[in-house]
Amino acid sequence: MNTKILKQKAALSNATFYGIEIVPNTFRLCLMNMLLHGICEFGNDSLPIECKDSLAGEPARHFDFVMTNPPFGTKSSLTIEVEEKDKETGETITKKTACELCP
């Protein structure tokens, strides 16, 4: 194979695509698709996709472009605690809700 093509394939495999998916079945489907298209290889320790909640913490990597595929079908694992005072009793009430901004 041409050296230029090999370098382009290596760049596509190692540095071009990266993703995070919260749903395990969708993660496996995406990984299978990437393997079939030669974007990553079997036995490679650094896969271009991770199965985790992308909203649960500060990202380890930052990117120039972000592509999404709505509709989002799974809620984030984040919960928000809100403390409010009851108007009648004056007691502090803690409410736990799923993140409203999270899909």
PDB file of N, CA and C in Angstrom:
ATOM      1  N   MET A   1       0.831  -1.188   0.000  1.00  0.00           N
ATOM      2  CA  MET A   1       0.000   0.000   0.000  1.00  0.00           C
ATOM      3  C   MET A   1       0.876   1.253   0.000  1.00  0.00           C
ATOM      4  N   ASN A   2       0.366   2.300  -0.572  1.00  0.00           N
ATOM      5  CA  ASN A   2       1.046   3.589  -0.640  1.00  0.00           C
ATOM      6  C   ASN A   2       1.279   4.129   0.776  1.00  0.00           C
ATOM      7  N   THR A   3       2.453   4.723   1.005  1.00  0.00           N
ATOM      8  CA  THR A   3       2.792   5.276   2.321  1.00  0.00           C
ATOM      9  C   THR A   3       1.817   6.370   2.736  1.00  0.00           C
ATOM     10  N   LYS A   4       1.395   7.198   1.797  1.00  0.00           N
ATOM     11  CA  LYS A   4       0.454   8.282   2.097  1.00  0.00           C
ATOM     12  C   LYS A   4      -0.884   7.708   2.568  1.00  0.00           C
ATOM     13  N   ILE A   5      -1.341   6.663   1.914  1.00  0.00           N
ATOM     14  CA  ILE A   5      -2.609   6.028   2.300  1.00  0.00           C
ATOM     15  C   ILE A   5      -2.492   5.407   3.684  1.00  0.00           C
ATOM     16  N   LEU A   6      -1.358   4.778   3.971  1.00  0.00           N
ATOM     17  CA  LEU A   6      -1.149   4.185   5.298  1.00  0.00           C
ATOM     18  C   LEU A   6      -1.159   5.257   6.386  1.00  0.00           C
ATOM     19  N   LYS A   7      -0.539   6.413   6.125  1.00  0.00           N
ATOM     20  CA  LYS A   7      -0.540   7.498   7.102  1.00  0.00           C
ATOM     21  C   LYS A   7      -1.946   8.052   7.315  1.00  0.00           C
ATOM     22  N   GLN A   8      -2.706   8.188   6.220  1.00  0.00           N
ATOM     23  CA  GLN A   8      -4.080   8.674   6.330  1.00  0.00           C
ATOM     24  C   GLN A   8      -4.945   7.697   7.115  1.00  0.00           C
ATOM     25  N   LYS A   9      -4.765   6.400   6.865  1.00  0.00           N
ATOM     26  CA  LYS A   9      -5.533   5.385   7.588  1.00  0.00           C
ATOM     27  C   LYS A   9      -5.186   5.404   9.085  1.00  0.00           C
ATOM     28  N   ALA A  10      -3.895   5.571   9.382  1.00  0.00           N
ATOM     29  CA  ALA A  10      -3.475   5.642  10.784  1.00  0.00           C
ATOM     30  C   ALA A  10      -4.069   6.868  11.468  1.00  0.00           C
ATOM     31  N   ALA A  11      -4.098   8.000  10.761  1.00  0.00           N
ATOM     32  CA  ALA A  11      -4.685   9.216  11.332  1.00  0.00           C
ATOM     33  C   ALA A  11      -6.178   9.041  11.576  1.00  0.00           C
ATOM     34  N   LEU A  12      -6.878   8.416  10.635  1.00  0.00           N
ATOM     35  CA  LEU A  12      -8.309   8.158  10.826  1.00  0.00           C
ATOM     36  C   LEU A  12      -8.548   7.211  11.987  1.00  0.00           C
ATOM     37  N   SER A  13      -7.701   6.205  12.106  1.00  0.00           N
ATOM     38  CA  SER A  13      -7.877   5.201  13.158  1.00  0.00           C
ATOM     39  C   SER A  13      -7.550   5.723  14.545  1.00  0.00           C
ATOM     40  N   ASN A  14      -6.582   6.612  14.649  1.00  0.00           N
ATOM     41  CA  ASN A  14      -6.067   6.988  15.964  1.00  0.00           C
ATOM     42  C   ASN A  14      -6.411   8.394  16.431  1.00  0.00           C
ATOM     43  N   ALA A  15      -6.713   9.313  15.527  1.00  0.00           N
ATOM     44  CA  ALA A  15      -6.816  10.698  15.963  1.00  0.00           C
ATOM     45  C   ALA A  15      -8.055  11.449  15.478  1.00  0.00           C
ATOM     46  N   THR A  16      -8.836  10.889  14.598  1.00  0.00           N
ATOM     47  CA  THR A  16      -9.929  11.641  13.994  1.00  0.00           C
ATOM     48  C   THR A  16     -11.242  11.506  14.748  1.00  0.00           C
ATOM     49  N   PHE A  17     -11.603  10.309  15.138  1.00  0.00           N
ATOM     50  CA  PHE A  17     -12.908  10.057  15.737  1.00  0.00           C
ATOM     51  C   PHE A  17     -12.787   9.715  17.216  1.00  0.00           C
ATOM     52  N   TYR A  18     -13.734  10.248  17.997  1.00  0.00           N
ATOM     53  CA  TYR A  18     -13.788   9.936  19.423  1.00  0.00           C
ATOM     54  C   TYR A  18     -15.230  10.135  19.863  1.00  0.00           C
ATOM     55  N   GLY A  19     -15.718   9.279  20.728  1.00  0.00           N
ATOM     56  CA  GLY A  19     -17.088   9.437  21.179  1.00  0.00           C
ATOM     57  C   GLY A  19     -17.315   8.883  22.564  1.00  0.00           C
ATOM     58  N   ILE A  20     -18.420   9.334  23.153  1.00  0.00           N
ATOM     59  CA  ILE A  20     -18.862   8.852  24.460  1.00  0.00           C
ATOM     60  C   ILE A  20     -20.333   8.503  24.326  1.00  0.00           C
ATOM     61  N   GLU A  21     -20.702   7.314  24.783  1.00  0.00           N
ATOM     62  CA  GLU A  21     -22.084   6.853  24.712  1.00  0.00           C
ATOM     63  C   GLU A  21     -22.474   6.278  26.061  1.00  0.00           C
ATOM     64  N   ILE A  22     -23.628   6.688  26.570  1.00  0.00           N
ATOM     65  CA  ILE A  22     -24.076   6.240  27.892  1.00  0.00           C
ATOM     66  C   ILE A  22     -24.793   4.886  27.840  1.00  0.00           C
ATOM     67  N   VAL A  23     -25.427   4.553  26.733  1.00  0.00           N
ATOM     68  CA  VAL A  23     -26.215   3.323  26.612  1.00  0.00           C
ATOM     69  C   VAL A  23     -25.303   2.184  26.145  1.00  0.00           C
ATOM     70  N   PRO A  24     -25.140   1.117  26.954  1.00  0.00           N
ATOM     71  CA  PRO A  24     -24.217   0.035  26.597  1.00  0.00           C
ATOM     72  C   PRO A  24     -24.495  -0.614  25.239  1.00  0.00           C
ATOM     73  N   ASN A  25     -25.748  -0.867  24.909  1.00  0.00           N
ATOM     74  CA  ASN A  25     -26.047  -1.511  23.621  1.00  0.00           C
ATOM     75  C   ASN A  25     -25.685  -0.598  22.450  1.00  0.00           C
ATOM     76  N   THR A  26     -25.949   0.680  22.574  1.00  0.00           N
ATOM     77  CA  THR A  26     -25.594   1.630  21.519  1.00  0.00           C
ATOM     78  C   THR A  26     -24.079   1.769  21.414  1.00  0.00           C
ATOM     79  N   PHE A  27     -23.396   1.730  22.548  1.00  0.00           N
ATOM     80  CA  PHE A  27     -21.935   1.756  22.566  1.00  0.00           C
ATOM     81  C   PHE A  27     -21.370   0.578  21.773  1.00  0.00           C
ATOM     82  N   ARG A  28     -21.906  -0.621  22.035  1.00  0.00           N
ATOM     83  CA  ARG A  28     -21.417  -1.809  21.330  1.00  0.00           C
ATOM     84  C   ARG A  28     -21.710  -1.727  19.834  1.00  0.00           C
ATOM     85  N   LEU A  29     -22.870  -1.217  19.467  1.00  0.00           N
ATOM     86  CA  LEU A  29     -23.232  -1.062  18.064  1.00  0.00           C
ATOM     87  C   LEU A  29     -22.285  -0.080  17.371  1.00  0.00           C
ATOM     88  N   CYS A  30     -21.995   1.029  18.023  1.00  0.00           N
ATOM     89  CA  CYS A  30     -21.078   2.026  17.473  1.00  0.00           C
ATOM     90  C   CYS A  30     -19.682   1.440  17.315  1.00  0.00           C
ATOM     91  N   LEU A  31     -19.217   0.733  18.325  1.00  0.00           N
ATOM     92  CA  LEU A  31     -17.888   0.125  18.275  1.00  0.00           C
ATOM     93  C   LEU A  31     -17.807  -0.896  17.142  1.00  0.00           C
ATOM     94  N   MET A  32     -18.849  -1.710  16.994  1.00  0.00           N
ATOM     95  CA  MET A  32     -18.884  -2.695  15.913  1.00  0.00           C
ATOM     96  C   MET A  32     -18.809  -1.992  14.560  1.00  0.00           C
ATOM     97  N   ASN A  33     -19.564  -0.926  14.391  1.00  0.00           N
ATOM     98  CA  ASN A  33     -19.569  -0.170  13.142  1.00  0.00           C
ATOM     99  C   ASN A  33     -18.181   0.404  12.855  1.00  0.00           C
ATOM    100  N   MET A  34     -17.531   0.939  13.883  1.00  0.00           N
ATOM    101  CA  MET A  34     -16.194   1.499  13.702  1.00  0.00           C
ATOM    102  C   MET A  34     -15.186   0.411  13.331  1.00  0.00           C
ATOM    103  N   LEU A  35     -15.307  -0.756  13.948  1.00  0.00           N
ATOM    104  CA  LEU A  35     -14.420  -1.874  13.613  1.00  0.00           C
ATOM    105  C   LEU A  35     -14.632  -2.324  12.177  1.00  0.00           C
ATOM    106  N   LEU A  36     -15.883  -2.435  11.752  1.00  0.00           N
ATOM    107  CA  LEU A  36     -16.188  -2.875  10.388  1.00  0.00           C
ATOM    108  C   LEU A  36     -15.701  -1.881   9.333  1.00  0.00           C
ATOM    109  N   HIS A  37     -15.665  -0.601   9.677  1.00  0.00           N
ATOM    110  CA  HIS A  37     -15.206   0.409   8.737  1.00  0.00           C
ATOM    111  C   HIS A  37     -13.711   0.712   8.871  1.00  0.00           C
ATOM    112  N   GLY A  38     -13.014  -0.032   9.718  1.00  0.00           N
ATOM    113  CA  GLY A  38     -11.568   0.131   9.848  1.00  0.00           C
ATOM    114  C   GLY A  38     -11.135   1.364  10.609  1.00  0.00           C
ATOM    115  N   ILE A  39     -12.039   1.935  11.405  1.00  0.00           N
ATOM    116  CA  ILE A  39     -11.689   3.143  12.169  1.00  0.00           C
ATOM    117  C   ILE A  39     -10.891   2.779  13.415  1.00  0.00           C
ATOM    118  N   CYS A  40     -11.103   1.600  13.952  1.00  0.00           N
ATOM    119  CA  CYS A  40     -10.294   1.105  15.063  1.00  0.00           C
ATOM    120  C   CYS A  40     -10.036  -0.383  14.823  1.00  0.00           C
ATOM    121  N   GLU A  41      -9.165  -0.958  15.616  1.00  0.00           N
ATOM    122  CA  GLU A  41      -8.765  -2.339  15.404  1.00  0.00           C
ATOM    123  C   GLU A  41      -9.029  -3.183  16.642  1.00  0.00           C
ATOM    124  N   PHE A  42      -9.251  -4.489  16.432  1.00  0.00           N
ATOM    125  CA  PHE A  42      -9.398  -5.416  17.538  1.00  0.00           C
ATOM    126  C   PHE A  42      -8.095  -5.475  18.319  1.00  0.00           C
ATOM    127  N   GLY A  43      -8.192  -5.583  19.630  1.00  0.00           N
ATOM    128  CA  GLY A  43      -7.012  -5.711  20.467  1.00  0.00           C
ATOM    129  C   GLY A  43      -6.324  -4.396  20.772  1.00  0.00           C
ATOM    130  N   ASN A  44      -6.853  -3.309  20.245  1.00  0.00           N
ATOM    131  CA  ASN A  44      -6.261  -1.996  20.515  1.00  0.00           C
ATOM    132  C   ASN A  44      -6.744  -1.516  21.880  1.00  0.00           C
ATOM    133  N   ASP A  45      -5.813  -1.144  22.753  1.00  0.00           N
ATOM    134  CA  ASP A  45      -6.178  -0.718  24.107  1.00  0.00           C
ATOM    135  C   ASP A  45      -6.836   0.652  24.139  1.00  0.00           C
ATOM    136  N   SER A  46      -6.580   1.487  23.154  1.00  0.00           N
ATOM    137  CA  SER A  46      -7.159   2.835  23.155  1.00  0.00           C
ATOM    138  C   SER A  46      -8.287   2.910  22.123  1.00  0.00           C
ATOM    139  N   LEU A  47      -9.493   2.566  22.544  1.00  0.00           N
ATOM    140  CA  LEU A  47     -10.650   2.615  21.662  1.00  0.00           C
ATOM    141  C   LEU A  47     -11.105   4.058  21.481  1.00  0.00           C
ATOM    142  N   PRO A  48     -11.651   4.395  20.310  1.00  0.00           N
ATOM    143  CA  PRO A  48     -12.080   5.769  20.063  1.00  0.00           C
ATOM    144  C   PRO A  48     -13.450   6.108  20.643  1.00  0.00           C
ATOM    145  N   ILE A  49     -14.030   5.210  21.415  1.00  0.00           N
ATOM    146  CA  ILE A  49     -15.331   5.465  22.032  1.00  0.00           C
ATOM    147  C   ILE A  49     -15.325   4.885  23.442  1.00  0.00           C
ATOM    148  N   GLU A  50     -16.006   5.584  24.350  1.00  0.00           N
ATOM    149  CA  GLU A  50     -16.107   5.134  25.738  1.00  0.00           C
ATOM    150  C   GLU A  50     -17.575   4.972  26.108  1.00  0.00           C
ATOM    151  N   CYS A  51     -17.847   4.039  26.993  1.00  0.00           N
ATOM    152  CA  CYS A  51     -19.205   3.835  27.493  1.00  0.00           C
ATOM    153  C   CYS A  51     -19.280   4.440  28.891  1.00  0.00           C
ATOM    154  N   LYS A  52     -19.780   5.690  28.945  1.00  0.00           N
ATOM    155  CA  LYS A  52     -19.917   6.388  30.227  1.00  0.00           C
ATOM    156  C   LYS A  52     -20.845   7.585  30.036  1.00  0.00           C
ATOM    157  N   ASP A  53     -21.141   8.264  31.116  1.00  0.00           N
ATOM    158  CA  ASP A  53     -21.988   9.452  31.079  1.00  0.00           C
ATOM    159  C   ASP A  53     -21.101  10.663  30.797  1.00  0.00           C
ATOM    160  N   SER A  54     -21.279  11.295  29.656  1.00  0.00           N
ATOM    161  CA  SER A  54     -20.421  12.423  29.271  1.00  0.00           C
ATOM    162  C   SER A  54     -20.683  13.674  30.099  1.00  0.00           C
ATOM    163  N   LEU A  55     -21.803  13.730  30.808  1.00  0.00           N
ATOM    164  CA  LEU A  55     -22.130  14.910  31.604  1.00  0.00           C
ATOM    165  C   LEU A  55     -21.753  14.754  33.078  1.00  0.00           C
ATOM    166  N   ALA A  56     -21.191  13.614  33.449  1.00  0.00           N
ATOM    167  CA  ALA A  56     -20.916  13.337  34.861  1.00  0.00           C
ATOM    168  C   ALA A  56     -19.652  14.006  35.388  1.00  0.00           C
ATOM    169  N   GLY A  57     -18.841  14.581  34.525  1.00  0.00           N
ATOM    170  CA  GLY A  57     -17.626  15.218  35.004  1.00  0.00           C
ATOM    171  C   GLY A  57     -16.976  16.050  33.923  1.00  0.00           C
ATOM    172  N   GLU A  58     -15.885  16.674  34.287  1.00  0.00           N
ATOM    173  CA  GLU A  58     -15.125  17.489  33.341  1.00  0.00           C
ATOM    174  C   GLU A  58     -14.517  16.576  32.273  1.00  0.00           C
ATOM    175  N   PRO A  59     -14.638  16.942  31.000  1.00  0.00           N
ATOM    176  CA  PRO A  59     -14.083  16.083  29.947  1.00  0.00           C
ATOM    177  C   PRO A  59     -12.553  16.047  29.990  1.00  0.00           C
ATOM    178  N   ALA A  60     -12.004  14.884  29.688  1.00  0.00           N
ATOM    179  CA  ALA A  60     -10.549  14.731  29.657  1.00  0.00           C
ATOM    180  C   ALA A  60      -9.967  15.326  28.387  1.00  0.00           C
ATOM    181  N   ARG A  61     -10.782  15.368  27.329  1.00  0.00           N
ATOM    182  CA  ARG A  61     -10.330  15.893  26.046  1.00  0.00           C
ATOM    183  C   ARG A  61     -11.288  16.978  25.573  1.00  0.00           C
ATOM    184  N   HIS A  62     -10.771  17.916  24.797  1.00  0.00           N
ATOM    185  CA  HIS A  62     -11.586  18.979  24.214  1.00  0.00           C
ATOM    186  C   HIS A  62     -11.446  18.917  22.697  1.00  0.00           C
ATOM    187  N   PHE A  63     -12.487  19.360  21.984  1.00  0.00           N
ATOM    188  CA  PHE A  63     -12.537  19.174  20.542  1.00  0.00           C
ATOM    189  C   PHE A  63     -12.946  20.443  19.827  1.00  0.00           C
ATOM    190  N   ASP A  64     -12.658  20.469  18.539  1.00  0.00           N
ATOM    191  CA  ASP A  64     -13.040  21.593  17.686  1.00  0.00           C
ATOM    192  C   ASP A  64     -14.486  21.477  17.227  1.00  0.00           C
ATOM    193  N   PHE A  65     -14.967  20.270  17.011  1.00  0.00           N
ATOM    194  CA  PHE A  65     -16.326  20.025  16.536  1.00  0.00           C
ATOM    195  C   PHE A  65     -16.991  18.964  17.382  1.00  0.00           C
ATOM    196  N   VAL A  66     -18.282  19.144  17.635  1.00  0.00           N
ATOM    197  CA  VAL A  66     -19.062  18.150  18.360  1.00  0.00           C
ATOM    198  C   VAL A  66     -20.277  17.816  17.516  1.00  0.00           C
ATOM    199  N   MET A  67     -20.495  16.535  17.283  1.00  0.00           N
ATOM    200  CA  MET A  67     -21.667  16.086  16.538  1.00  0.00           C
ATOM    201  C   MET A  67     -22.537  15.257  17.476  1.00  0.00           C
ATOM    202  N   THR A  68     -23.824  15.483  17.427  1.00  0.00           N
ATOM    203  CA  THR A  68     -24.750  14.709  18.247  1.00  0.00           C
ATOM    204  C   THR A  68     -25.802  14.094  17.352  1.00  0.00           C
ATOM    205  N   ASN A  69     -26.521  13.145  17.908  1.00  0.00           N
ATOM    206  CA  ASN A  69     -27.551  12.460  17.156  1.00  0.00           C
ATOM    207  C   ASN A  69     -28.827  12.401  17.989  1.00  0.00           C
ATOM    208  N   PRO A  70     -29.583  13.505  18.060  1.00  0.00           N
ATOM    209  CA  PRO A  70     -30.833  13.483  18.809  1.00  0.00           C
ATOM    210  C   PRO A  70     -31.852  12.591  18.122  1.00  0.00           C
ATOM    211  N   PRO A  71     -32.877  12.115  18.743  1.00  0.00           N
ATOM    212  CA  PRO A  71     -33.287  12.453  20.104  1.00  0.00           C
ATOM    213  C   PRO A  71     -32.473  11.687  21.133  1.00  0.00           C
ATOM    214  N   PHE A  72     -32.329  12.308  22.266  1.00  0.00           N
ATOM    215  CA  PHE A  72     -31.595  11.689  23.352  1.00  0.00           C
ATOM    216  C   PHE A  72     -32.574  10.856  24.168  1.00  0.00           C
ATOM    217  N   GLY A  73     -32.283   9.577  24.328  1.00  0.00           N
ATOM    218  CA  GLY A  73     -33.245   8.686  24.953  1.00  0.00           C
ATOM    219  C   GLY A  73     -32.930   8.287  26.376  1.00  0.00           C
ATOM    220  N   THR A  74     -31.774   8.643  26.904  1.00  0.00           N
ATOM    221  CA  THR A  74     -31.390   8.215  28.246  1.00  0.00           C
ATOM    222  C   THR A  74     -31.073   9.431  29.100  1.00  0.00           C
ATOM    223  N   LYS A  75     -31.559   9.430  30.302  1.00  0.00           N
ATOM    224  CA  LYS A  75     -31.261  10.508  31.243  1.00  0.00           C
ATOM    225  C   LYS A  75     -29.823  10.391  31.726  1.00  0.00           C
ATOM    226  N   SER A  76     -29.245  11.502  32.073  1.00  0.00           N
ATOM    227  CA  SER A  76     -27.908  11.508  32.640  1.00  0.00           C
ATOM    228  C   SER A  76     -27.941  10.883  34.031  1.00  0.00           C
ATOM    229  N   SER A  77     -26.790  10.468  34.498  1.00  0.00           N
ATOM    230  CA  SER A  77     -26.707   9.912  35.850  1.00  0.00           C
ATOM    231  C   SER A  77     -26.593  11.013  36.899  1.00  0.00           C
ATOM    232  N   LEU A  78     -26.545  12.264  36.461  1.00  0.00           N
ATOM    233  CA  LEU A  78     -26.437  13.393  37.400  1.00  0.00           C
ATOM    234  C   LEU A  78     -27.765  13.654  38.093  1.00  0.00           C
ATOM    235  N   THR A  79     -27.685  14.010  39.359  1.00  0.00           N
ATOM    236  CA  THR A  79     -28.869  14.474  40.083  1.00  0.00           C
ATOM    237  C   THR A  79     -28.522  15.805  40.741  1.00  0.00           C
ATOM    238  N   ILE A  80     -29.521  16.624  40.891  1.00  0.00           N
ATOM    239  CA  ILE A  80     -29.322  17.934  41.496  1.00  0.00           C
ATOM    240  C   ILE A  80     -30.104  17.983  42.799  1.00  0.00           C
ATOM    241  N   GLU A  81     -29.457  18.465  43.853  1.00  0.00           N
ATOM    242  CA  GLU A  81     -30.130  18.633  45.128  1.00  0.00           C
ATOM    243  C   GLU A  81     -30.447  20.110  45.315  1.00  0.00           C
ATOM    244  N   VAL A  82     -31.713  20.387  45.587  1.00  0.00           N
ATOM    245  CA  VAL A  82     -32.155  21.755  45.791  1.00  0.00           C
ATOM    246  C   VAL A  82     -32.773  21.848  47.185  1.00  0.00           C
ATOM    247  N   GLU A  83     -32.305  22.823  47.955  1.00  0.00           N
ATOM    248  CA  GLU A  83     -32.883  23.033  49.284  1.00  0.00           C
ATOM    249  C   GLU A  83     -33.846  24.209  49.228  1.00  0.00           C
ATOM    250  N   GLU A  84     -35.060  23.977  49.713  1.00  0.00           N
ATOM    251  CA  GLU A  84     -36.077  25.026  49.750  1.00  0.00           C
ATOM    252  C   GLU A  84     -36.693  25.072  51.137  1.00  0.00           C
ATOM    253  N   LYS A  85     -37.169  26.241  51.510  1.00  0.00           N
ATOM    254  CA  LYS A  85     -37.882  26.372  52.786  1.00  0.00           C
ATOM    255  C   LYS A  85     -39.363  26.219  52.525  1.00  0.00           C
ATOM    256  N   ASP A  86     -39.997  25.386  53.347  1.00  0.00           N
ATOM    257  CA  ASP A  86     -41.445  25.220  53.259  1.00  0.00           C
ATOM    258  C   ASP A  86     -42.103  26.518  53.703  1.00  0.00           C
ATOM    259  N   LYS A  87     -43.034  27.038  52.903  1.00  0.00           N
ATOM    260  CA  LYS A  87     -43.672  28.324  53.194  1.00  0.00           C
ATOM    261  C   LYS A  87     -44.506  28.292  54.466  1.00  0.00           C
ATOM    262  N   GLU A  88     -45.113  27.142  54.750  1.00  0.00           N
ATOM    263  CA  GLU A  88     -45.986  27.048  55.928  1.00  0.00           C
ATOM    264  C   GLU A  88     -45.215  26.755  57.203  1.00  0.00           C
ATOM    265  N   THR A  89     -44.298  25.789  57.150  1.00  0.00           N
ATOM    266  CA  THR A  89     -43.610  25.365  58.371  1.00  0.00           C
ATOM    267  C   THR A  89     -42.245  26.017  58.559  1.00  0.00           C
ATOM    268  N   GLY A  90     -41.645  26.511  57.478  1.00  0.00           N
ATOM    269  CA  GLY A  90     -40.311  27.105  57.575  1.00  0.00           C
ATOM    270  C   GLY A  90     -39.198  26.073  57.577  1.00  0.00           C
ATOM    271  N   GLU A  91     -39.546  24.780  57.458  1.00  0.00           N
ATOM    272  CA  GLU A  91     -38.540  23.723  57.442  1.00  0.00           C
ATOM    273  C   GLU A  91     -37.795  23.723  56.110  1.00  0.00           C
ATOM    274  N   THR A  92     -36.530  23.318  56.185  1.00  0.00           N
ATOM    275  CA  THR A  92     -35.740  23.174  54.961  1.00  0.00           C
ATOM    276  C   THR A  92     -36.017  21.804  54.361  1.00  0.00           C
ATOM    277  N   ILE A  93     -36.389  21.798  53.096  1.00  0.00           N
ATOM    278  CA  ILE A  93     -36.698  20.559  52.382  1.00  0.00           C
ATOM    279  C   ILE A  93     -35.656  20.377  51.284  1.00  0.00           C
ATOM    280  N   THR A  94     -35.076  19.191  51.213  1.00  0.00           N
ATOM    281  CA  THR A  94     -34.108  18.878  50.164  1.00  0.00           C
ATOM    282  C   THR A  94     -34.809  18.037  49.104  1.00  0.00           C
ATOM    283  N   LYS A  95     -34.764  18.530  47.880  1.00  0.00           N
ATOM    284  CA  LYS A  95     -35.366  17.802  46.760  1.00  0.00           C
ATOM    285  C   LYS A  95     -34.243  17.317  45.850  1.00  0.00           C
ATOM    286  N   LYS A  96     -34.322  16.052  45.465  1.00  0.00           N
ATOM    287  CA  LYS A  96     -33.367  15.498  44.510  1.00  0.00           C
ATOM    288  C   LYS A  96     -34.108  15.282  43.196  1.00  0.00           C
ATOM    289  N   THR A  97     -33.562  15.861  42.134  1.00  0.00           N
ATOM    290  CA  THR A  97     -34.156  15.681  40.824  1.00  0.00           C
ATOM    291  C   THR A  97     -33.064  15.376  39.817  1.00  0.00           C
ATOM    292  N   ALA A  98     -33.489  14.743  38.729  1.00  0.00           N
ATOM    293  CA  ALA A  98     -32.570  14.532  37.626  1.00  0.00           C
ATOM    294  C   ALA A  98     -32.259  15.866  36.995  1.00  0.00           C
ATOM    295  N   CYS A  99     -31.097  16.002  36.459  1.00  0.00           N
ATOM    296  CA  CYS A  99     -30.677  17.247  35.819  1.00  0.00           C
ATOM    297  C   CYS A  99     -31.638  17.591  34.691  1.00  0.00           C
ATOM    298  N   GLU A 100     -32.281  18.754  34.756  1.00  0.00           N
ATOM    299  CA  GLU A 100     -33.262  19.154  33.750  1.00  0.00           C
ATOM    300  C   GLU A 100     -32.601  19.417  32.399  1.00  0.00           C
ATOM    301  N   LEU A 101     -31.350  19.826  32.403  1.00  0.00           N
ATOM    302  CA  LEU A 101     -30.657  20.110  31.159  1.00  0.00           C
ATOM    303  C   LEU A 101     -30.109  18.851  30.518  1.00  0.00           C
ATOM    304  N   CYS A 102     -30.072  17.781  31.294  1.00  0.00           N
ATOM    305  CA  CYS A 102     -29.506  16.540  30.792  1.00  0.00           C
ATOM    306  C   CYS A 102     -30.567  15.787  30.000  1.00  0.00           C
ATOM    307  N   PRO A 103     -30.151  15.131  28.928  1.00  0.00           N
ATOM    308  CA  PRO A 103     -31.132  14.382  28.140  1.00  0.00           C
ATOM    309  C   PRO A 103     -31.697  13.205  28.896  1.00  0.00           C
TER     310      PRO A 103
END
